[in-house]
N, C-alpha and C. Protein backbone atom coordinates (compact mmCIF):
# COMPACT_ATOMS: atom_id res chain seq x y z
N UNK A 1 79.55 66.27 104.86
CA UNK A 1 79.07 67.46 104.18
C UNK A 1 79.75 68.72 104.72
N UNK A 2 79.95 68.76 106.03
CA UNK A 2 80.61 69.93 106.63
C UNK A 2 82.04 70.07 106.12
N UNK A 3 82.72 68.92 105.95
CA UNK A 3 84.09 68.95 105.45
C UNK A 3 84.13 69.48 104.02
N UNK A 4 83.19 69.06 103.19
CA UNK A 4 83.14 69.52 101.81
C UNK A 4 82.90 71.03 101.77
N UNK A 5 81.97 71.50 102.57
CA UNK A 5 81.68 72.93 102.62
C UNK A 5 82.90 73.71 103.10
N UNK A 6 83.58 73.20 104.12
CA UNK A 6 84.79 73.85 104.63
C UNK A 6 85.86 73.93 103.54
N UNK A 7 86.06 72.83 102.81
CA UNK A 7 87.07 72.81 101.75
C UNK A 7 86.72 73.79 100.63
N UNK A 8 85.44 73.90 100.31
CA UNK A 8 85.02 74.85 99.28
C UNK A 8 85.30 76.28 99.72
N UNK A 9 84.97 76.60 100.95
CA UNK A 9 85.20 77.95 101.47
C UNK A 9 86.70 78.23 101.54
N UNK A 10 87.48 77.26 102.00
CA UNK A 10 88.93 77.43 102.07
C UNK A 10 89.53 77.67 100.69
N UNK A 11 89.05 76.94 99.69
CA UNK A 11 89.54 77.09 98.33
C UNK A 11 89.20 78.48 97.79
N UNK A 12 87.98 78.94 98.03
CA UNK A 12 87.59 80.27 97.57
C UNK A 12 88.42 81.35 98.23
N UNK A 13 88.70 81.21 99.52
CA UNK A 13 89.49 82.22 100.21
C UNK A 13 90.93 82.22 99.72
N UNK A 14 91.47 81.07 99.33
CA UNK A 14 92.82 81.04 98.78
C UNK A 14 92.88 81.77 97.44
N UNK A 15 91.85 81.64 96.65
CA UNK A 15 91.80 82.32 95.36
C UNK A 15 91.76 83.82 95.54
N UNK A 16 91.15 84.29 96.63
CA UNK A 16 91.01 85.72 96.86
C UNK A 16 92.36 86.40 97.06
N UNK A 17 93.37 85.68 97.50
CA UNK A 17 94.66 86.30 97.77
C UNK A 17 95.67 86.05 96.65
N UNK A 18 95.21 85.60 95.50
CA UNK A 18 96.10 85.37 94.37
C UNK A 18 96.45 86.71 93.73
N UNK A 19 97.54 87.29 94.15
CA UNK A 19 97.92 88.61 93.63
C UNK A 19 99.04 88.54 92.60
N UNK A 20 99.67 87.40 92.45
CA UNK A 20 100.82 87.29 91.55
C UNK A 20 100.43 87.68 90.14
N UNK A 21 101.12 88.68 89.59
CA UNK A 21 100.85 89.07 88.22
C UNK A 21 101.29 90.49 87.92
N UNK A 22 101.05 90.88 86.67
CA UNK A 22 101.39 92.22 86.19
C UNK A 22 100.22 93.17 86.42
N UNK A 23 100.55 94.42 86.74
CA UNK A 23 99.56 95.45 86.98
C UNK A 23 99.98 96.73 86.26
N UNK A 24 98.97 97.47 85.82
CA UNK A 24 99.21 98.78 85.23
C UNK A 24 98.94 99.83 86.30
N UNK A 25 99.96 100.61 86.62
CA UNK A 25 99.83 101.69 87.60
C UNK A 25 99.67 102.97 86.80
N UNK A 26 98.56 103.68 86.96
CA UNK A 26 98.31 104.86 86.13
C UNK A 26 99.18 106.05 86.51
N UNK A 27 99.27 107.00 85.58
CA UNK A 27 99.85 108.30 85.92
C UNK A 27 98.94 108.93 86.96
N UNK A 28 99.51 109.58 87.95
CA UNK A 28 98.70 110.35 88.89
C UNK A 28 99.54 111.46 89.48
N UNK A 29 98.88 112.62 89.65
CA UNK A 29 99.56 113.82 90.08
C UNK A 29 100.79 114.03 89.20
N UNK A 30 101.96 114.16 89.79
CA UNK A 30 103.18 114.41 89.00
C UNK A 30 103.92 113.12 88.66
N UNK A 31 103.38 111.97 89.05
CA UNK A 31 104.09 110.71 88.90
C UNK A 31 103.74 110.02 87.59
N UNK A 32 104.75 109.47 86.96
CA UNK A 32 104.57 108.73 85.72
C UNK A 32 104.17 107.29 86.05
N UNK A 33 103.25 106.76 85.28
CA UNK A 33 102.77 105.40 85.49
C UNK A 33 103.76 104.35 85.01
N UNK A 34 103.47 103.11 85.39
CA UNK A 34 104.38 102.02 85.05
C UNK A 34 103.64 100.69 85.04
N UNK A 35 104.29 99.70 84.49
CA UNK A 35 103.84 98.32 84.62
C UNK A 35 104.69 97.71 85.72
N UNK A 36 104.03 97.06 86.65
CA UNK A 36 104.74 96.45 87.77
C UNK A 36 104.35 94.99 87.89
N UNK A 37 105.18 94.25 88.59
CA UNK A 37 104.87 92.86 88.90
C UNK A 37 104.76 92.75 90.41
N UNK A 38 103.62 92.24 90.87
CA UNK A 38 103.39 92.04 92.31
C UNK A 38 103.28 90.55 92.58
N UNK A 39 103.71 90.16 93.78
CA UNK A 39 103.65 88.74 94.13
C UNK A 39 103.59 88.55 95.64
N UNK A 40 103.08 87.40 96.01
CA UNK A 40 102.96 87.01 97.41
C UNK A 40 104.26 86.33 97.82
N UNK A 41 104.89 86.86 98.85
CA UNK A 41 106.14 86.29 99.35
C UNK A 41 106.00 86.12 100.85
N UNK A 42 105.80 84.89 101.28
CA UNK A 42 105.62 84.57 102.70
C UNK A 42 104.47 85.36 103.33
N UNK A 43 103.35 85.45 102.62
CA UNK A 43 102.17 86.12 103.15
C UNK A 43 102.20 87.63 103.06
N UNK A 44 103.19 88.16 102.35
CA UNK A 44 103.28 89.60 102.16
C UNK A 44 103.37 89.91 100.67
N UNK A 45 102.78 91.03 100.30
CA UNK A 45 102.85 91.45 98.91
C UNK A 45 104.11 92.27 98.70
N UNK A 46 104.83 91.91 97.65
CA UNK A 46 106.00 92.67 97.20
C UNK A 46 105.72 93.09 95.76
N UNK A 47 106.36 94.17 95.32
CA UNK A 47 106.19 94.60 93.93
C UNK A 47 107.47 95.27 93.44
N UNK A 48 107.69 95.14 92.12
CA UNK A 48 108.83 95.81 91.48
C UNK A 48 108.39 96.31 90.11
N UNK A 49 109.06 97.36 89.65
CA UNK A 49 108.77 97.92 88.35
C UNK A 49 109.33 97.08 87.22
N UNK A 50 108.58 97.06 86.10
CA UNK A 50 109.01 96.29 84.92
C UNK A 50 109.26 97.23 83.74
N UNK A 51 108.35 98.17 83.50
CA UNK A 51 108.49 99.09 82.36
C UNK A 51 107.67 100.34 82.63
N UNK A 52 108.07 101.44 82.01
CA UNK A 52 107.31 102.68 82.12
C UNK A 52 106.15 102.67 81.12
N UNK A 53 105.05 103.28 81.50
CA UNK A 53 103.88 103.34 80.60
C UNK A 53 104.21 104.03 79.29
N UNK A 54 105.01 105.08 79.36
CA UNK A 54 105.32 105.86 78.15
C UNK A 54 106.52 105.31 77.38
N UNK A 55 106.95 104.10 77.71
CA UNK A 55 108.06 103.42 77.02
C UNK A 55 109.41 104.12 77.15
N UNK A 56 109.54 105.05 78.09
CA UNK A 56 110.85 105.67 78.30
C UNK A 56 111.76 104.68 79.01
N UNK A 57 113.06 104.86 78.86
CA UNK A 57 113.99 103.94 79.53
C UNK A 57 113.90 104.05 81.05
N UNK A 58 114.36 103.00 81.70
CA UNK A 58 114.40 102.99 83.16
C UNK A 58 115.31 104.12 83.65
N UNK A 59 115.01 104.61 84.83
CA UNK A 59 115.83 105.66 85.46
C UNK A 59 116.76 105.00 86.48
N UNK A 60 117.63 105.79 87.04
CA UNK A 60 118.55 105.32 88.07
C UNK A 60 117.98 105.64 89.46
N UNK A 61 118.46 104.93 90.44
CA UNK A 61 118.05 105.10 91.85
C UNK A 61 118.89 106.21 92.48
N UNK A 62 118.77 107.42 91.95
CA UNK A 62 119.67 108.52 92.29
C UNK A 62 119.57 109.01 93.74
N UNK A 63 118.49 108.75 94.41
CA UNK A 63 118.32 109.22 95.80
C UNK A 63 118.73 108.20 96.84
N UNK A 64 119.19 107.06 96.42
CA UNK A 64 119.52 106.01 97.39
C UNK A 64 120.61 106.51 98.34
N UNK A 65 120.39 106.34 99.66
CA UNK A 65 121.41 106.77 100.62
C UNK A 65 122.74 106.02 100.44
N UNK A 66 122.67 104.81 99.90
CA UNK A 66 123.88 104.04 99.62
C UNK A 66 124.39 104.47 98.23
N UNK A 67 125.49 105.18 98.21
CA UNK A 67 126.03 105.71 96.95
C UNK A 67 126.30 104.61 95.92
N UNK A 68 126.62 103.42 96.37
CA UNK A 68 126.90 102.30 95.46
C UNK A 68 125.66 101.87 94.69
N UNK A 69 124.47 102.15 95.23
CA UNK A 69 123.23 101.72 94.59
C UNK A 69 122.60 102.81 93.72
N UNK A 70 123.18 103.98 93.67
CA UNK A 70 122.59 105.09 92.92
C UNK A 70 122.64 104.91 91.41
N UNK A 71 123.45 103.99 90.94
CA UNK A 71 123.53 103.77 89.49
C UNK A 71 122.67 102.60 89.03
N UNK A 72 122.01 101.93 89.97
CA UNK A 72 121.18 100.79 89.56
C UNK A 72 119.86 101.30 88.96
N UNK A 73 119.24 100.45 88.19
CA UNK A 73 117.97 100.76 87.53
C UNK A 73 116.83 100.77 88.55
N UNK A 74 115.79 101.52 88.22
CA UNK A 74 114.59 101.49 89.07
C UNK A 74 113.66 100.34 88.67
N UNK A 75 114.04 99.54 87.73
CA UNK A 75 113.26 98.37 87.32
C UNK A 75 113.92 97.11 87.86
N UNK A 76 113.08 96.16 88.28
CA UNK A 76 113.61 94.92 88.84
C UNK A 76 114.04 95.04 90.28
N UNK A 77 113.74 96.18 90.89
CA UNK A 77 114.08 96.44 92.29
C UNK A 77 112.78 96.55 93.08
N UNK A 78 112.69 95.81 94.17
CA UNK A 78 111.47 95.84 94.97
C UNK A 78 111.28 97.23 95.57
N UNK A 79 110.11 97.83 95.28
CA UNK A 79 109.80 99.15 95.83
C UNK A 79 108.65 99.09 96.82
N UNK A 80 107.94 97.97 96.89
CA UNK A 80 106.84 97.82 97.83
C UNK A 80 107.08 96.53 98.60
N UNK A 81 107.05 96.62 99.94
CA UNK A 81 107.32 95.43 100.75
C UNK A 81 106.51 95.48 102.04
N UNK A 82 106.53 94.38 102.74
CA UNK A 82 105.89 94.25 104.07
C UNK A 82 104.38 94.45 104.05
N UNK A 83 103.74 94.37 102.90
CA UNK A 83 102.29 94.56 102.81
C UNK A 83 101.61 93.23 103.11
N UNK A 84 101.19 93.08 104.37
CA UNK A 84 100.58 91.83 104.83
C UNK A 84 99.26 91.57 104.12
N UNK A 85 99.08 90.33 103.71
CA UNK A 85 97.85 89.92 103.02
C UNK A 85 96.96 89.21 104.02
N UNK A 86 95.76 89.74 104.22
CA UNK A 86 94.78 89.14 105.12
C UNK A 86 93.45 89.08 104.38
N UNK A 87 93.18 87.93 103.77
CA UNK A 87 92.03 87.79 102.87
C UNK A 87 92.15 88.81 101.76
N UNK A 88 91.25 89.78 101.70
CA UNK A 88 91.34 90.79 100.65
C UNK A 88 91.94 92.10 101.15
N UNK A 89 92.31 92.17 102.40
CA UNK A 89 92.92 93.38 102.98
C UNK A 89 94.44 93.31 102.85
N UNK A 90 95.04 94.45 102.62
CA UNK A 90 96.49 94.59 102.54
C UNK A 90 96.89 95.65 103.56
N UNK A 91 97.78 95.30 104.49
CA UNK A 91 98.07 96.21 105.61
C UNK A 91 99.55 96.24 105.95
N UNK A 92 99.99 97.39 106.47
CA UNK A 92 101.31 97.51 107.07
C UNK A 92 102.48 97.59 106.11
N UNK A 93 102.23 98.00 104.88
CA UNK A 93 103.31 98.03 103.89
C UNK A 93 104.09 99.33 103.87
N UNK A 94 105.23 99.24 103.22
CA UNK A 94 106.09 100.40 102.98
C UNK A 94 106.42 100.39 101.50
N UNK A 95 106.31 101.56 100.87
CA UNK A 95 106.70 101.65 99.47
C UNK A 95 107.65 102.83 99.28
N UNK A 96 108.48 102.71 98.28
CA UNK A 96 109.46 103.74 97.97
C UNK A 96 109.19 104.23 96.57
N UNK A 97 109.11 105.54 96.40
CA UNK A 97 108.87 106.11 95.08
C UNK A 97 110.20 106.62 94.52
N UNK A 98 110.67 105.99 93.46
CA UNK A 98 111.93 106.39 92.85
C UNK A 98 111.84 107.79 92.25
N UNK A 99 110.63 108.26 91.92
CA UNK A 99 110.48 109.55 91.27
C UNK A 99 110.61 110.73 92.23
N UNK A 100 110.12 110.58 93.45
CA UNK A 100 110.22 111.69 94.40
C UNK A 100 111.12 111.38 95.60
N UNK A 101 111.64 110.16 95.64
CA UNK A 101 112.59 109.74 96.67
C UNK A 101 111.99 109.68 98.07
N UNK A 102 110.68 109.54 98.16
CA UNK A 102 110.01 109.42 99.46
C UNK A 102 109.58 107.98 99.72
N UNK A 103 109.50 107.66 100.98
CA UNK A 103 108.98 106.38 101.43
C UNK A 103 107.56 106.62 101.94
N UNK A 104 106.64 105.72 101.62
CA UNK A 104 105.23 105.89 101.97
C UNK A 104 104.71 104.69 102.75
N UNK A 105 103.86 104.98 103.73
CA UNK A 105 103.07 103.92 104.36
C UNK A 105 102.07 103.46 103.31
N UNK A 106 101.80 102.17 103.29
CA UNK A 106 100.95 101.62 102.24
C UNK A 106 99.96 100.62 102.82
N UNK A 107 98.72 100.72 102.35
CA UNK A 107 97.68 99.75 102.70
C UNK A 107 96.78 99.62 101.48
N UNK A 108 95.84 98.67 101.53
CA UNK A 108 94.95 98.54 100.39
C UNK A 108 94.03 97.36 100.49
N UNK A 109 93.46 97.02 99.34
CA UNK A 109 92.57 95.88 99.27
C UNK A 109 92.62 95.28 97.88
N UNK A 110 92.33 93.98 97.84
CA UNK A 110 92.22 93.27 96.58
C UNK A 110 90.75 93.35 96.17
N UNK A 111 90.49 93.93 95.02
CA UNK A 111 89.11 94.09 94.55
C UNK A 111 88.62 92.79 93.92
N UNK A 112 87.31 92.66 93.79
CA UNK A 112 86.72 91.43 93.26
C UNK A 112 87.19 91.09 91.85
N UNK A 113 87.49 92.11 91.06
CA UNK A 113 87.93 91.87 89.68
C UNK A 113 89.43 91.58 89.57
N UNK A 114 90.13 91.54 90.72
CA UNK A 114 91.56 91.25 90.71
C UNK A 114 92.45 92.47 90.75
N UNK A 115 91.86 93.65 90.52
CA UNK A 115 92.64 94.88 90.63
C UNK A 115 92.99 95.12 92.10
N UNK A 116 93.94 96.01 92.32
CA UNK A 116 94.34 96.37 93.68
C UNK A 116 94.04 97.85 93.90
N UNK A 117 93.43 98.15 95.02
CA UNK A 117 93.25 99.55 95.42
C UNK A 117 94.26 99.80 96.53
N UNK A 118 95.28 100.59 96.22
CA UNK A 118 96.34 100.85 97.18
C UNK A 118 96.31 102.31 97.61
N UNK A 119 96.56 102.53 98.88
CA UNK A 119 96.59 103.86 99.45
C UNK A 119 97.98 104.12 99.99
N UNK A 120 98.54 105.27 99.60
CA UNK A 120 99.90 105.65 99.99
C UNK A 120 99.83 106.92 100.82
N UNK A 121 100.63 106.97 101.89
CA UNK A 121 100.59 108.12 102.78
C UNK A 121 101.96 108.40 103.38
N UNK A 122 102.24 109.68 103.57
CA UNK A 122 103.47 110.07 104.26
C UNK A 122 103.35 109.85 105.77
N UNK A 123 102.11 109.84 106.27
CA UNK A 123 101.90 109.66 107.71
C UNK A 123 101.22 108.32 107.98
N UNK A 124 101.51 107.73 109.12
CA UNK A 124 101.01 106.39 109.44
C UNK A 124 99.51 106.35 109.72
N UNK A 125 98.90 107.51 109.93
CA UNK A 125 97.45 107.55 110.18
C UNK A 125 96.65 107.72 108.88
N UNK A 126 97.34 107.90 107.77
CA UNK A 126 96.73 108.03 106.44
C UNK A 126 95.83 109.26 106.32
N UNK A 127 96.18 110.33 107.06
CA UNK A 127 95.44 111.59 106.92
C UNK A 127 95.78 112.23 105.57
N UNK A 128 97.06 112.24 105.24
CA UNK A 128 97.51 112.79 103.97
C UNK A 128 97.83 111.62 103.04
N UNK A 129 96.81 111.15 102.35
CA UNK A 129 96.96 109.92 101.58
C UNK A 129 96.35 110.06 100.18
N UNK A 130 96.78 109.19 99.30
CA UNK A 130 96.25 109.13 97.94
C UNK A 130 96.04 107.66 97.59
N UNK A 131 94.85 107.35 97.08
CA UNK A 131 94.54 105.98 96.66
C UNK A 131 94.64 105.88 95.14
N UNK A 132 95.13 104.75 94.69
CA UNK A 132 95.31 104.49 93.27
C UNK A 132 94.87 103.06 92.98
N UNK A 133 94.23 102.86 91.84
CA UNK A 133 93.85 101.51 91.41
C UNK A 133 94.94 100.97 90.49
N UNK A 134 95.48 99.82 90.87
CA UNK A 134 96.40 99.10 90.01
C UNK A 134 95.56 98.09 89.23
N UNK A 135 95.50 98.25 87.92
CA UNK A 135 94.71 97.37 87.05
C UNK A 135 95.49 96.09 86.76
N UNK A 136 94.89 94.96 87.10
CA UNK A 136 95.54 93.67 86.83
C UNK A 136 95.45 93.37 85.34
N UNK A 137 96.56 93.05 84.73
CA UNK A 137 96.59 92.78 83.29
C UNK A 137 96.20 91.35 82.98
N UNK A 138 95.47 91.19 81.89
CA UNK A 138 95.09 89.86 81.42
C UNK A 138 96.27 89.24 80.68
N UNK A 139 96.17 87.95 80.42
CA UNK A 139 97.23 87.26 79.67
C UNK A 139 97.42 87.88 78.29
N UNK A 140 96.31 88.27 77.64
CA UNK A 140 96.44 88.86 76.30
C UNK A 140 97.10 90.24 76.38
N UNK A 141 96.81 91.02 77.42
CA UNK A 141 97.47 92.33 77.58
C UNK A 141 98.97 92.15 77.83
N UNK A 142 99.31 91.18 78.65
CA UNK A 142 100.72 90.92 78.96
C UNK A 142 101.47 90.53 77.68
N UNK A 143 100.84 89.68 76.89
CA UNK A 143 101.46 89.22 75.63
C UNK A 143 101.61 90.39 74.66
N UNK A 144 100.56 91.19 74.53
CA UNK A 144 100.59 92.34 73.62
C UNK A 144 101.68 93.35 74.02
N UNK A 145 101.88 93.52 75.32
CA UNK A 145 102.87 94.47 75.82
C UNK A 145 104.28 93.88 75.92
N UNK A 146 104.40 92.58 75.66
CA UNK A 146 105.69 91.88 75.74
C UNK A 146 106.34 92.01 77.11
N UNK A 147 105.54 91.88 78.16
CA UNK A 147 106.06 91.98 79.52
C UNK A 147 106.56 90.63 80.00
N UNK A 148 107.69 90.63 80.63
CA UNK A 148 108.28 89.42 81.20
C UNK A 148 108.70 89.73 82.63
N UNK A 149 108.46 88.81 83.55
CA UNK A 149 108.95 89.05 84.91
C UNK A 149 110.47 88.95 84.95
N UNK A 150 111.07 89.68 85.87
CA UNK A 150 112.51 89.59 86.09
C UNK A 150 112.81 88.28 86.81
N UNK A 151 114.07 87.91 86.87
CA UNK A 151 114.50 86.72 87.60
C UNK A 151 114.11 86.87 89.07
N UNK A 152 113.36 85.90 89.58
CA UNK A 152 112.91 85.94 90.97
C UNK A 152 114.10 86.07 91.92
N UNK A 153 115.14 85.29 91.71
CA UNK A 153 116.31 85.32 92.59
C UNK A 153 116.97 86.69 92.61
N UNK A 154 117.06 87.33 91.44
CA UNK A 154 117.68 88.66 91.37
C UNK A 154 116.81 89.70 92.06
N UNK A 155 115.51 89.61 91.87
CA UNK A 155 114.59 90.57 92.50
C UNK A 155 114.65 90.44 94.01
N UNK A 156 114.59 89.23 94.53
CA UNK A 156 114.61 89.01 95.98
C UNK A 156 115.89 89.55 96.61
N UNK A 157 117.00 89.48 95.89
CA UNK A 157 118.26 90.01 96.41
C UNK A 157 118.15 91.51 96.73
N UNK A 158 117.29 92.22 95.99
CA UNK A 158 117.19 93.67 96.21
C UNK A 158 116.55 94.00 97.56
N UNK A 159 115.89 93.04 98.19
CA UNK A 159 115.34 93.26 99.53
C UNK A 159 116.45 93.52 100.55
N UNK A 160 117.62 92.95 100.30
CA UNK A 160 118.73 93.08 101.25
C UNK A 160 119.57 94.32 101.01
N UNK A 161 119.35 95.01 99.89
CA UNK A 161 120.12 96.21 99.60
C UNK A 161 119.78 97.31 100.59
N UNK A 162 120.77 97.96 101.08
CA UNK A 162 120.57 99.08 102.02
C UNK A 162 121.10 100.35 101.41
């Protein structure tokens, strides 16, 4: 009986960290919202942009310190990395905002409904921070929006870009 109970609890806890999927990131402050794809990669959450909320074309990575990468699209490029997944807590991440060219400390939590509450800060103590809810899209929303994930191999390659 103890083994069955343990397996049930273990199964439930595994479901809690299922973050793979599309999310709607709302407009906030001066930033334009987007549809992003987030996924678990070796116990860390990564995310990349897929499409802009307002259907405008992708922009270029104009602030990249590597001049060779300034002409690449801001879609299909990992902008959030190193966000450790610990049950429903997300800790120790770094995100890059293509719109303002700043890098942010990132932390958050996986909400019961599958949405993500992420907090972004310029400082590591999160004194100057902003929290945003990323709404997890349902299968019908994904289909209606015609969203497709980018090639996993191509996306992962962007982690090595400097």
